[in-house]
Amino acid sequence: MDEDKGMFNVQQTIGTVLCCRCGIKMQPNAANMCVRCLRSEVDITEGLQKHVVISHCPECDCYLQPPKTWLKAQWESKELLTFCVKRLKNLNKVRLIHAEFVWTEPHSKRIKVRVTIQKEVLNGAVLEQAYVVEYVQQDHMCESCSRVAANPDQWVASVQLRQHVSHRRTFFYLEQLILKHDAAVKAIKIKQMDQGIDFFFGNRSHAVKFLEFLGSVVPTKSRDDKQLVSHDVKSSNYNYKYTFSVQISPVCREDLICLPQRLSSSLGNIGPLVVCTKVTNSIALLDPFTLRHCHLDSDQYWRHGFKSLLTSRQLVEYIVLDIEIPSPPMEAKIGGVRYLLADAQVARVSDFGRNDNIFFVRTHLGHLLNPGDHALGYDLYAANSNDSELEKYKNLVLPEVVLIKKSYEEARLRKRGKPRKYKLKHLEMEVDDRARVDEEKERSDYEQFQRDIEENPELRFNLSLYRNKEYQEESDAGSMADDAAAPLEELLADLVLLDESDEEEDEGMRE
């Protein structure tokens, strides 16, 4: 602004002085010495640790935080850097500016950290200096790992997870959630049982934390018990084994439910026939004839404890003959999923060529179905149900058919035997000798679980899907199967670490 007015502006200059030791020109400071001479006179790292010994558990990759806390940290991670800096003594006498890892061989049992500090020295001058701290790893197994090494079957707490249904799709879904969140990373052993899975832990706190995770993803109720193992009279130490029995709600997604009268009244006379659309730590229910919906939390469900009227194993395939959207259209968006009421004419696929039975139904799938499409639903016309809650409703007229979802079976038949775009990881678990495992039934349940993943984007959002290298994308990208397939953009690249011998073989193959 001064230059615009034509005024003379004096530029400020910084004067220089001569160092009192070596005589070179420098900017003035309180000590009147250059940085090199100041460092030769004063060492601000004096009294600080340059070598530290740390205890490392090679089994679980944990580090000992004295006196007896074990911290899990990956190599050159932020948590490991924080742990290393906190192990340095007398660091409060200086000001910490920066800390970073210096690369070392992972198998060298050495961790090097470059630390930059500042400290006030002669006559108020502030000196900054960097130095390297070397940490020596000493292998020392933690208490839980040493217990496992001495006796692999020795555990302190177990979580017995059960669901009394005719399929294992819930456990397949839980397995993927546990892998994504590393919820069972502290488990000593995992065993597949007849109607569930048992998780064994070396510490009660690990089992309690796993129990909290289960309660956050599925509606559960639990009870716990403990058994005295040993007792030291002199020190008054008691050793217990803890058992947590966890039961998962038997209501699953796509089940047809008849609500109890008291519960239906408390929810605004919804239903009583409703469809379960989603199960997390709460149960989402939808009336397919009015699009009214509600959510039941875990406490509300276990207070009434109702069961499903019909389950997904009883679904019947129908063909849509005609569909009509009423005027004005009634639609709703529930949890990011759109529903539209429609009147449809359907017939059972198994009735073709046998009879002319046609059913007129109201469905919530008007946004998906078109004449000629196939749909899966519950056949109440021929069903023989003995539900006690249903008998309490007097003068209740049951619909002949309740449609649940669109069927992509024809498209799947064309792709049968071909690999999927994605693959899933699995927990390492043993199979109990007493468990009656039907391999054909389990294979069928897993196939249905994979179909649910392909058809439901909301379900895929909560899981980690990995790209299948065996999959080759086909030219007919516009086929019906793509409507119910996981997009490649949603898949994760599976990280594979190769040994040096494997890399040499790969290079030889490329040549």
Protein backbone atom coordinates (compact mmCIF):
# COMPACT_ATOMS: atom_id res chain seq x y z
CA MET A 1 0.00 0.00 0.00
CA ASP A 2 2.94 2.35 0.79
CA GLU A 3 4.39 1.70 -2.66
CA ASP A 4 1.06 2.66 -4.26
CA LYS A 5 1.20 6.00 -2.46
CA GLY A 6 4.75 6.57 -3.68
CA MET A 7 6.26 6.43 -0.22
CA PHE A 8 9.79 5.21 0.37
CA ASN A 9 9.83 1.71 2.07
CA VAL A 10 12.95 0.68 3.95
CA GLN A 11 13.66 -3.07 3.68
CA GLN A 12 14.49 -4.70 6.96
CA THR A 13 17.74 -6.65 7.12
CA ILE A 14 18.93 -9.13 9.73
CA GLY A 15 22.34 -8.38 11.08
CA THR A 16 25.07 -10.97 11.53
CA VAL A 17 27.67 -11.47 14.22
CA LEU A 18 30.78 -13.59 14.53
CA CYS A 19 30.74 -16.83 16.51
CA CYS A 20 32.78 -16.43 19.71
CA ARG A 21 34.41 -19.84 19.12
CA CYS A 22 35.07 -20.37 15.42
CA GLY A 23 34.53 -16.82 14.09
CA ILE A 24 32.09 -17.59 11.26
CA LYS A 25 29.21 -15.25 10.47
CA MET A 26 25.88 -16.21 11.96
CA GLN A 27 22.55 -14.79 13.05
CA PRO A 28 22.77 -13.50 16.64
CA ASN A 29 21.46 -15.70 19.47
CA ALA A 30 21.60 -15.69 23.26
CA ALA A 31 24.76 -17.84 23.41
CA ASN A 32 26.65 -15.98 20.60
CA MET A 33 27.74 -19.36 19.25
CA CYS A 34 26.92 -21.14 16.01
CA VAL A 35 24.93 -24.38 16.05
CA ARG A 36 28.01 -26.54 15.44
CA CYS A 37 29.96 -25.01 18.34
CA LEU A 38 26.88 -25.07 20.57
CA ARG A 39 26.45 -28.83 19.98
CA SER A 40 30.13 -29.42 20.71
CA GLU A 41 29.73 -27.59 24.03
CA VAL A 42 26.35 -29.01 25.12
CA ASP A 43 24.83 -32.47 24.49
CA ILE A 44 21.09 -32.25 25.22
CA THR A 45 20.73 -36.04 24.82
CA GLU A 46 22.91 -36.66 27.87
CA GLY A 47 21.04 -38.72 30.44
CA LEU A 48 18.48 -39.98 27.91
CA GLN A 49 18.16 -43.66 27.04
CA LYS A 50 19.79 -44.86 23.82
CA HIS A 51 19.25 -48.60 24.37
CA VAL A 52 16.02 -50.15 25.71
CA VAL A 53 15.09 -53.82 26.19
CA ILE A 54 11.44 -54.71 25.55
CA SER A 55 9.55 -58.00 25.99
CA HIS A 56 7.74 -59.39 22.94
CA CYS A 57 5.36 -62.36 22.75
CA PRO A 58 6.04 -64.15 19.44
CA GLU A 59 2.75 -66.07 19.54
CA CYS A 60 0.23 -63.21 19.71
CA ASP A 61 2.58 -60.37 18.61
CA CYS A 62 2.10 -58.38 21.85
CA TYR A 63 4.52 -56.16 23.78
CA LEU A 64 4.78 -55.96 27.59
CA GLN A 65 3.78 -52.63 29.08
CA PRO A 66 5.11 -52.85 32.67
CA PRO A 67 4.05 -54.10 35.08
CA LYS A 68 1.85 -56.75 33.41
CA THR A 69 -0.17 -55.21 30.57
CA TRP A 70 0.30 -56.73 27.12
CA LEU A 71 -0.26 -54.37 24.17
CA LYS A 72 -0.96 -55.74 20.69
CA ALA A 73 0.82 -53.74 17.97
CA GLN A 74 1.80 -54.46 14.39
CA TRP A 75 5.32 -53.91 13.03
CA GLU A 76 6.05 -50.18 12.47
CA SER A 77 2.49 -49.23 13.42
CA LYS A 78 1.31 -46.10 15.16
CA GLU A 79 0.56 -48.09 18.32
CA LEU A 80 4.10 -49.54 18.38
CA LEU A 81 5.66 -46.09 17.96
CA THR A 82 3.60 -44.76 20.89
CA PHE A 83 4.64 -47.74 22.99
CA CYS A 84 8.34 -47.20 22.19
CA VAL A 85 8.27 -43.49 23.02
CA LYS A 86 6.49 -44.13 26.33
CA ARG A 87 9.22 -46.59 27.35
CA LEU A 88 11.86 -43.81 27.29
CA LYS A 89 12.78 -42.42 30.71
CA ASN A 90 13.65 -38.75 31.51
CA LEU A 91 11.92 -37.63 28.32
CA ASN A 92 9.94 -35.10 30.38
CA LYS A 93 13.12 -33.02 30.82
CA VAL A 94 13.16 -32.13 27.11
CA ARG A 95 10.54 -31.21 24.52
CA LEU A 96 9.65 -33.98 22.07
CA ILE A 97 9.33 -32.65 18.51
CA HIS A 98 9.18 -35.71 16.27
CA ALA A 99 9.60 -39.50 16.31
CA GLU A 100 9.82 -41.95 13.40
CA PHE A 101 10.97 -45.49 12.68
CA VAL A 102 14.34 -46.25 11.13
CA TRP A 103 14.11 -49.30 8.87
CA THR A 104 15.51 -52.55 10.24
CA GLU A 105 15.15 -56.18 9.24
CA PRO A 106 11.97 -57.63 10.83
CA HIS A 107 13.87 -60.77 11.93
CA SER A 108 16.75 -58.79 13.48
CA LYS A 109 14.92 -58.41 16.83
CA ARG A 110 15.80 -54.71 16.70
CA ILE A 111 13.56 -51.64 16.49
CA LYS A 112 15.17 -48.26 15.83
CA VAL A 113 13.37 -44.96 16.40
CA ARG A 114 14.76 -41.54 15.45
CA VAL A 115 13.67 -39.02 18.10
CA THR A 116 13.95 -35.23 17.63
CA ILE A 117 13.99 -33.13 20.81
CA GLN A 118 14.47 -29.51 21.87
CA LYS A 119 15.98 -28.10 25.07
CA GLU A 120 16.93 -24.67 26.41
CA VAL A 121 20.72 -24.38 26.89
CA LEU A 122 23.19 -21.52 27.52
CA ASN A 123 21.62 -18.10 28.20
CA GLY A 124 18.15 -19.17 26.98
CA ALA A 125 19.20 -20.46 23.55
CA VAL A 126 17.02 -23.37 22.30
CA LEU A 127 18.90 -26.27 20.70
CA GLU A 128 17.27 -28.98 18.59
CA GLN A 129 18.90 -32.38 18.13
CA ALA A 130 17.94 -35.81 16.73
CA TYR A 131 19.26 -39.14 17.94
CA VAL A 132 18.44 -42.83 17.40
CA VAL A 133 17.13 -45.14 20.12
CA GLU A 134 17.62 -48.89 19.67
CA TYR A 135 15.09 -51.29 21.17
CA VAL A 136 16.11 -54.92 21.62
CA GLN A 137 13.26 -57.44 21.52
CA GLN A 138 13.42 -60.30 23.97
CA ASP A 139 10.97 -63.12 23.30
CA HIS A 140 8.81 -63.75 26.33
CA MET A 141 5.44 -65.49 26.05
CA CYS A 142 2.50 -63.77 27.68
CA GLU A 143 0.45 -65.52 30.34
CA SER A 144 -2.37 -66.67 28.04
CA CYS A 145 0.00 -67.95 25.34
CA SER A 146 2.18 -69.81 27.85
CA ARG A 147 -0.94 -71.45 29.25
CA VAL A 148 -1.98 -72.54 25.77
CA ALA A 149 1.52 -73.82 24.97
CA ALA A 150 1.57 -75.91 28.13
CA ASN A 151 -1.91 -77.32 27.54
CA PRO A 152 -3.81 -76.35 24.37
CA ASP A 153 -7.12 -77.51 25.88
CA GLN A 154 -6.76 -75.33 28.95
CA TRP A 155 -9.15 -72.38 28.83
CA VAL A 156 -10.55 -69.95 31.36
CA ALA A 157 -13.78 -68.78 29.68
CA SER A 158 -15.98 -70.23 26.95
CA VAL A 159 -18.86 -68.71 24.96
CA GLN A 160 -21.42 -71.26 23.78
CA LEU A 161 -23.32 -69.71 20.87
CA ARG A 162 -26.57 -71.43 19.87
CA GLN A 163 -29.55 -70.83 17.55
CA HIS A 164 -32.40 -73.33 17.42
CA VAL A 165 -33.28 -73.25 13.72
CA SER A 166 -33.04 -75.74 10.86
CA HIS A 167 -30.21 -73.95 8.98
CA ARG A 168 -26.77 -72.40 9.64
CA ARG A 169 -27.06 -69.21 7.55
CA THR A 170 -26.96 -67.02 10.65
CA PHE A 171 -23.64 -68.54 11.70
CA PHE A 172 -22.21 -68.04 8.18
CA TYR A 173 -23.14 -64.36 8.44
CA LEU A 174 -21.74 -64.08 11.98
CA GLU A 175 -18.50 -65.71 10.84
CA GLN A 176 -17.95 -62.96 8.25
CA LEU A 177 -18.73 -60.21 10.78
CA ILE A 178 -16.30 -61.73 13.29
CA LEU A 179 -13.57 -61.87 10.63
CA LYS A 180 -14.17 -58.29 9.51
CA HIS A 181 -14.00 -56.86 13.05
CA ASP A 182 -11.36 -59.32 14.41
CA ALA A 183 -13.77 -60.07 17.26
CA ALA A 184 -12.40 -63.57 17.94
CA VAL A 185 -8.70 -62.74 17.59
CA LYS A 186 -8.17 -63.58 21.29
CA ALA A 187 -9.87 -66.98 21.01
CA ILE A 188 -7.67 -69.96 21.89
CA LYS A 189 -9.87 -72.45 20.07
CA ILE A 190 -13.09 -72.40 18.03
CA LYS A 191 -15.23 -75.52 17.75
CA GLN A 192 -18.27 -76.14 15.55
CA MET A 193 -21.10 -77.79 17.47
CA ASP A 194 -24.43 -79.32 16.45
CA GLN A 195 -26.54 -76.13 16.58
CA GLY A 196 -23.88 -73.51 17.05
CA ILE A 197 -20.24 -72.65 17.73
CA ASP A 198 -18.13 -72.69 20.92
CA PHE A 199 -15.42 -70.06 21.46
CA PHE A 200 -12.70 -70.65 24.09
CA PHE A 201 -10.67 -67.81 25.64
CA GLY A 202 -7.71 -67.66 27.98
CA ASN A 203 -9.12 -64.68 29.89
CA ARG A 204 -12.60 -63.86 31.17
CA SER A 205 -12.36 -60.25 29.97
CA HIS A 206 -11.81 -61.44 26.39
CA ALA A 207 -14.98 -63.53 26.57
CA VAL A 208 -16.98 -60.60 27.98
CA LYS A 209 -15.75 -58.34 25.18
CA PHE A 210 -16.74 -60.96 22.59
CA LEU A 211 -20.15 -61.23 24.28
CA GLU A 212 -20.63 -57.46 23.89
CA PHE A 213 -19.79 -57.73 20.20
CA LEU A 214 -22.40 -60.46 19.68
CA GLY A 215 -25.03 -58.31 21.40
CA SER A 216 -24.27 -55.45 19.00
CA VAL A 217 -24.85 -57.47 15.80
CA VAL A 218 -27.63 -59.99 16.64
CA PRO A 219 -30.47 -60.13 19.20
CA THR A 220 -29.19 -62.39 21.97
CA LYS A 221 -29.86 -63.37 25.55
CA SER A 222 -27.21 -64.94 27.76
CA ARG A 223 -26.57 -66.49 31.12
CA ASP A 224 -23.25 -67.21 32.79
CA ASP A 225 -21.93 -69.74 35.25
CA LYS A 226 -18.58 -70.49 36.88
CA GLN A 227 -16.91 -73.59 38.25
CA LEU A 228 -14.15 -73.66 40.88
CA VAL A 229 -10.98 -75.27 39.51
CA SER A 230 -8.47 -74.73 42.32
CA HIS A 231 -8.05 -72.82 45.58
CA ASP A 232 -4.85 -71.72 47.31
CA VAL A 233 -5.58 -71.51 51.04
CA LYS A 234 -2.40 -69.58 51.91
CA SER A 235 -2.84 -66.78 49.37
CA SER A 236 -6.67 -67.04 49.09
CA ASN A 237 -6.45 -67.27 45.31
CA TYR A 238 -9.39 -68.89 43.51
CA ASN A 239 -9.23 -70.17 39.93
CA TYR A 240 -12.54 -70.48 38.11
CA LYS A 241 -13.71 -71.59 34.69
CA TYR A 242 -16.42 -69.33 33.27
CA THR A 243 -19.09 -70.42 30.80
CA PHE A 244 -21.36 -68.01 28.93
CA SER A 245 -24.41 -69.54 27.24
CA VAL A 246 -25.68 -67.30 24.43
CA GLN A 247 -28.91 -67.89 22.53
CA ILE A 248 -29.63 -66.10 19.25
CA SER A 249 -33.18 -65.22 18.30
CA PRO A 250 -34.71 -67.96 16.08
CA VAL A 251 -36.33 -65.30 13.89
CA CYS A 252 -34.37 -64.91 10.64
CA ARG A 253 -34.60 -62.66 7.61
CA GLU A 254 -37.46 -63.49 5.18
CA ASP A 255 -39.41 -65.40 7.87
CA LEU A 256 -43.19 -64.99 8.06
CA ILE A 257 -44.33 -64.15 11.60
CA CYS A 258 -47.66 -64.00 13.38
CA LEU A 259 -47.32 -61.39 16.12
CA PRO A 260 -48.87 -62.03 19.55
CA GLN A 261 -51.98 -59.96 20.23
CA ARG A 262 -50.45 -57.89 23.03
CA LEU A 263 -47.36 -57.07 20.97
CA SER A 264 -49.43 -56.20 17.89
CA SER A 265 -51.58 -53.83 19.96
CA SER A 266 -48.54 -52.14 21.51
CA LEU A 267 -47.11 -51.56 18.02
CA GLY A 268 -50.25 -49.82 16.76
CA ASN A 269 -52.17 -52.92 15.60
CA ILE A 270 -49.62 -53.76 12.92
CA GLY A 271 -50.03 -57.10 11.17
CA PRO A 272 -50.62 -59.59 12.65
CA LEU A 273 -48.89 -61.24 9.66
CA VAL A 274 -45.51 -59.53 9.12
CA VAL A 275 -42.29 -60.33 7.28
CA CYS A 276 -38.84 -60.03 8.88
CA THR A 277 -36.78 -57.84 6.51
CA LYS A 278 -33.59 -57.36 8.53
CA VAL A 279 -31.92 -58.73 11.66
CA THR A 280 -29.19 -56.82 13.48
CA ASN A 281 -29.24 -56.07 17.21
CA SER A 282 -32.92 -55.33 16.48
CA ILE A 283 -35.51 -57.09 14.30
CA ALA A 284 -37.12 -55.12 11.44
CA LEU A 285 -40.70 -56.18 10.66
CA LEU A 286 -42.80 -55.14 7.65
CA ASP A 287 -46.51 -55.57 6.98
CA PRO A 288 -46.49 -56.61 3.27
CA PHE A 289 -50.13 -55.54 2.78
CA THR A 290 -49.97 -51.98 4.20
CA LEU A 291 -46.18 -51.16 4.20
CA ARG A 292 -46.32 -50.36 7.91
CA HIS A 293 -43.09 -51.27 9.66
CA CYS A 294 -41.50 -51.39 13.11
CA HIS A 295 -38.30 -52.39 14.90
CA LEU A 296 -38.06 -54.66 17.93
CA ASP A 297 -34.96 -54.45 20.11
CA SER A 298 -33.54 -57.46 21.88
CA ASP A 299 -35.38 -56.84 25.16
CA GLN A 300 -38.75 -56.44 23.43
CA TYR A 301 -38.31 -59.66 21.50
CA TRP A 302 -37.25 -61.84 24.44
CA ARG A 303 -40.10 -60.41 26.54
CA HIS A 304 -42.62 -61.98 24.14
CA GLY A 305 -40.45 -64.75 22.63
CA PHE A 306 -42.54 -65.49 19.53
CA LYS A 307 -41.39 -67.84 16.77
CA SER A 308 -41.71 -67.84 13.00
CA LEU A 309 -44.90 -69.08 11.40
CA LEU A 310 -43.06 -70.16 8.23
CA THR A 311 -39.32 -70.12 7.46
CA SER A 312 -37.26 -69.67 4.29
CA ARG A 313 -37.01 -73.45 3.83
CA GLN A 314 -40.77 -73.47 3.08
CA LEU A 315 -40.64 -70.92 0.25
CA VAL A 316 -42.55 -71.89 -2.91
CA GLU A 317 -41.75 -70.62 -6.42
CA TYR A 318 -44.48 -68.69 -8.26
CA ILE A 319 -44.72 -67.12 -11.69
CA VAL A 320 -46.20 -63.62 -12.05
CA LEU A 321 -49.03 -63.60 -14.62
CA ASP A 322 -50.08 -59.97 -14.23
CA ILE A 323 -49.30 -57.06 -11.93
CA GLU A 324 -51.14 -53.77 -11.39
CA ILE A 325 -50.10 -50.70 -9.42
CA PRO A 326 -53.11 -49.17 -7.59
CA SER A 327 -53.86 -45.47 -7.92
CA PRO A 328 -52.62 -43.47 -6.11
CA PRO A 329 -49.43 -45.57 -5.68
CA MET A 330 -48.40 -46.42 -2.13
CA GLU A 331 -44.66 -46.68 -1.59
CA ALA A 332 -42.26 -46.50 1.33
CA LYS A 333 -38.50 -46.36 1.82
CA ILE A 334 -37.38 -48.35 4.84
CA GLY A 335 -33.71 -48.46 5.77
CA GLY A 336 -32.64 -47.42 2.27
CA VAL A 337 -34.81 -50.11 0.60
CA ARG A 338 -37.78 -49.08 -1.55
CA TYR A 339 -41.11 -50.91 -1.44
CA LEU A 340 -44.21 -50.40 -3.63
CA LEU A 341 -47.66 -51.93 -3.11
CA ALA A 342 -49.15 -53.78 -6.07
CA ASP A 343 -51.91 -56.28 -6.89
CA ALA A 344 -50.61 -59.39 -8.65
CA GLN A 345 -51.90 -62.57 -10.22
CA VAL A 346 -49.59 -65.50 -9.58
CA ALA A 347 -49.57 -69.25 -10.07
CA ARG A 348 -47.39 -71.97 -8.62
CA VAL A 349 -44.68 -73.15 -11.01
CA SER A 350 -45.35 -76.73 -9.90
CA ASP A 351 -49.03 -76.39 -10.99
CA PHE A 352 -48.25 -75.78 -14.67
CA GLY A 353 -49.84 -78.55 -16.72
CA ARG A 354 -51.67 -79.93 -13.69
CA ASN A 355 -54.37 -77.37 -12.78
CA ASP A 356 -55.44 -73.78 -13.41
CA ASN A 357 -55.11 -72.41 -9.88
CA ILE A 358 -54.48 -68.65 -9.98
CA PHE A 359 -54.02 -66.56 -6.82
CA PHE A 360 -54.78 -62.85 -6.46
CA VAL A 361 -52.41 -61.31 -3.93
CA ARG A 362 -51.27 -57.94 -2.68
CA THR A 363 -47.50 -57.61 -2.50
CA HIS A 364 -44.88 -55.10 -1.44
CA LEU A 365 -42.62 -56.00 -4.41
CA GLY A 366 -44.38 -53.88 -7.05
CA HIS A 367 -41.11 -52.06 -7.85
CA LEU A 368 -39.37 -55.35 -8.76
CA LEU A 369 -41.90 -57.69 -10.33
CA ASN A 370 -43.08 -57.70 -13.94
CA PRO A 371 -45.34 -60.18 -15.81
CA GLY A 372 -43.33 -63.32 -16.54
CA ASP A 373 -40.97 -62.93 -13.54
CA HIS A 374 -40.55 -65.64 -10.93
CA ALA A 375 -41.00 -64.92 -7.23
CA LEU A 376 -40.64 -66.88 -4.00
CA GLY A 377 -43.40 -66.80 -1.41
CA TYR A 378 -45.24 -68.69 1.29
CA ASP A 379 -48.19 -70.88 0.26
CA LEU A 380 -50.74 -70.29 3.02
CA TYR A 381 -53.42 -71.85 0.82
CA ALA A 382 -51.91 -75.33 1.25
CA ALA A 383 -49.88 -74.77 4.44
CA ASN A 384 -50.73 -76.71 7.58
CA SER A 385 -49.75 -74.49 10.48
CA ASN A 386 -50.37 -75.11 14.17
CA ASP A 387 -49.19 -71.78 15.54
CA SER A 388 -50.76 -71.01 18.92
CA GLU A 389 -50.66 -67.24 18.35
CA LEU A 390 -52.50 -67.55 15.03
CA GLU A 391 -55.33 -69.49 16.66
CA LYS A 392 -55.95 -66.65 19.14
CA TYR A 393 -57.05 -64.31 16.32
CA LYS A 394 -60.74 -64.85 15.65
CA ASN A 395 -62.28 -63.99 12.27
CA LEU A 396 -58.81 -63.45 10.77
CA VAL A 397 -58.83 -64.06 7.01
CA LEU A 398 -55.44 -65.36 5.91
CA PRO A 399 -54.13 -64.46 2.44
CA GLU A 400 -53.54 -67.37 0.10
CA VAL A 401 -50.00 -66.27 -0.83
CA VAL A 402 -47.40 -63.95 0.71
CA LEU A 403 -44.65 -63.06 -1.77
CA ILE A 404 -41.22 -62.53 -0.20
CA LYS A 405 -38.66 -61.83 -2.93
CA LYS A 406 -37.93 -62.01 -6.63
CA SER A 407 -36.35 -65.22 -7.89
CA TYR A 408 -33.25 -65.32 -10.12
CA GLU A 409 -33.14 -69.10 -10.41
CA GLU A 410 -33.24 -69.16 -14.24
CA ALA A 411 -30.22 -66.86 -14.47
CA ARG A 412 -28.32 -68.98 -11.93
CA LEU A 413 -28.96 -72.15 -13.90
CA ARG A 414 -27.11 -70.62 -16.84
CA LYS A 415 -24.08 -69.87 -14.62
CA ARG A 416 -24.10 -73.13 -12.66
CA GLY A 417 -20.63 -74.60 -12.26
CA LYS A 418 -18.87 -71.29 -12.97
CA PRO A 419 -16.87 -69.48 -10.26
CA ARG A 420 -18.35 -66.42 -8.55
CA LYS A 421 -16.86 -62.94 -8.72
CA TYR A 422 -16.05 -63.00 -5.03
CA LYS A 423 -14.76 -65.32 -2.34
CA LEU A 424 -15.06 -65.33 1.44
CA LYS A 425 -12.62 -66.11 4.22
CA HIS A 426 -13.39 -68.55 7.02
CA LEU A 427 -12.53 -69.02 10.68
CA GLU A 428 -10.20 -71.84 11.62
CA MET A 429 -12.47 -74.09 13.64
CA GLU A 430 -12.59 -77.70 14.69
CA VAL A 431 -15.65 -79.90 14.23
CA ASP A 432 -16.90 -81.58 17.37
CA ASP A 433 -16.94 -85.38 17.17
CA ARG A 434 -20.45 -85.49 18.64
CA ALA A 435 -21.85 -82.96 16.15
CA ARG A 436 -24.12 -84.52 13.54
CA VAL A 437 -22.87 -82.67 10.45
CA ASP A 438 -24.84 -83.23 7.24
CA GLU A 439 -22.39 -82.08 4.57
CA GLU A 440 -25.04 -81.91 1.85
CA LYS A 441 -27.34 -79.77 4.02
CA GLU A 442 -24.46 -77.51 5.09
CA ARG A 443 -23.41 -77.06 1.47
CA SER A 444 -26.99 -76.12 0.58
CA ASP A 445 -27.16 -73.60 3.44
CA TYR A 446 -23.88 -72.01 2.37
CA GLU A 447 -25.08 -71.76 -1.24
CA GLN A 448 -28.26 -70.02 -0.04
CA PHE A 449 -26.15 -67.66 2.09
CA GLN A 450 -24.08 -66.70 -0.96
CA ARG A 451 -27.28 -66.05 -2.92
CA ASP A 452 -28.50 -63.77 -0.13
CA ILE A 453 -25.23 -61.82 -0.38
CA GLU A 454 -25.66 -61.40 -4.13
CA GLU A 455 -29.29 -60.30 -3.90
CA ASN A 456 -28.98 -57.92 -0.93
CA PRO A 457 -26.60 -54.91 -1.28
CA GLU A 458 -27.27 -53.93 2.34
CA LEU A 459 -26.02 -57.34 3.47
CA ARG A 460 -22.86 -57.00 1.35
CA PHE A 461 -22.13 -53.63 2.93
CA ASN A 462 -21.41 -55.26 6.32
CA LEU A 463 -19.10 -57.96 4.94
CA SER A 464 -15.63 -58.12 3.41
CA LEU A 465 -15.78 -59.72 -0.04
CA TYR A 466 -12.55 -60.54 -1.87
CA ARG A 467 -11.98 -60.80 -5.60
CA ASN A 468 -11.86 -64.28 -7.02
CA LYS A 469 -8.89 -64.67 -9.37
CA GLU A 470 -10.56 -67.62 -11.07
CA TYR A 471 -13.48 -65.47 -12.20
CA GLN A 472 -13.48 -64.27 -15.83
CA GLU A 473 -16.02 -61.60 -16.73
CA GLU A 474 -18.35 -62.64 -19.53
CA SER A 475 -19.36 -60.62 -22.53
CA ASP A 476 -23.12 -60.78 -21.80
CA ALA A 477 -22.93 -58.16 -19.06
CA GLY A 478 -26.61 -57.33 -19.35
CA SER A 479 -27.91 -60.74 -18.30
CA MET A 480 -30.40 -61.25 -15.52
CA ALA A 481 -27.71 -62.70 -13.27
CA ASP A 482 -26.05 -59.30 -12.99
CA ASP A 483 -29.13 -58.00 -11.17
CA ALA A 484 -28.26 -60.32 -8.29
CA ALA A 485 -24.46 -60.26 -8.31
CA ALA A 486 -21.88 -58.36 -6.27
CA PRO A 487 -20.33 -55.55 -8.38
CA LEU A 488 -16.57 -55.75 -8.84
CA GLU A 489 -16.24 -52.25 -7.31
CA GLU A 490 -17.43 -53.65 -3.96
CA LEU A 491 -14.80 -56.41 -3.83
CA LEU A 492 -11.49 -56.15 -1.99
CA ALA A 493 -8.17 -57.27 -3.40
CA ASP A 494 -6.87 -60.13 -1.28
CA LEU A 495 -3.31 -59.33 -0.10
CA VAL A 496 -0.92 -62.26 -0.53
CA LEU A 497 2.67 -62.02 0.78
CA LEU A 498 5.05 -64.18 -1.24
CA ASP A 499 8.31 -65.64 -0.03
CA GLU A 500 11.52 -65.00 -1.96
CA SER A 501 11.38 -68.51 -3.46
CA ASP A 502 7.80 -67.88 -4.65
CA GLU A 503 8.82 -64.55 -6.20
CA GLU A 504 11.69 -66.21 -8.09
CA GLU A 505 9.29 -68.85 -9.41
CA ASP A 506 6.85 -66.12 -10.53
CA GLU A 507 9.65 -64.25 -12.33
CA GLY A 508 10.72 -67.48 -14.05
CA MET A 509 7.15 -68.07 -15.22
CA ARG A 510 6.94 -64.52 -16.61
CA GLU A 511 10.17 -65.05 -18.56
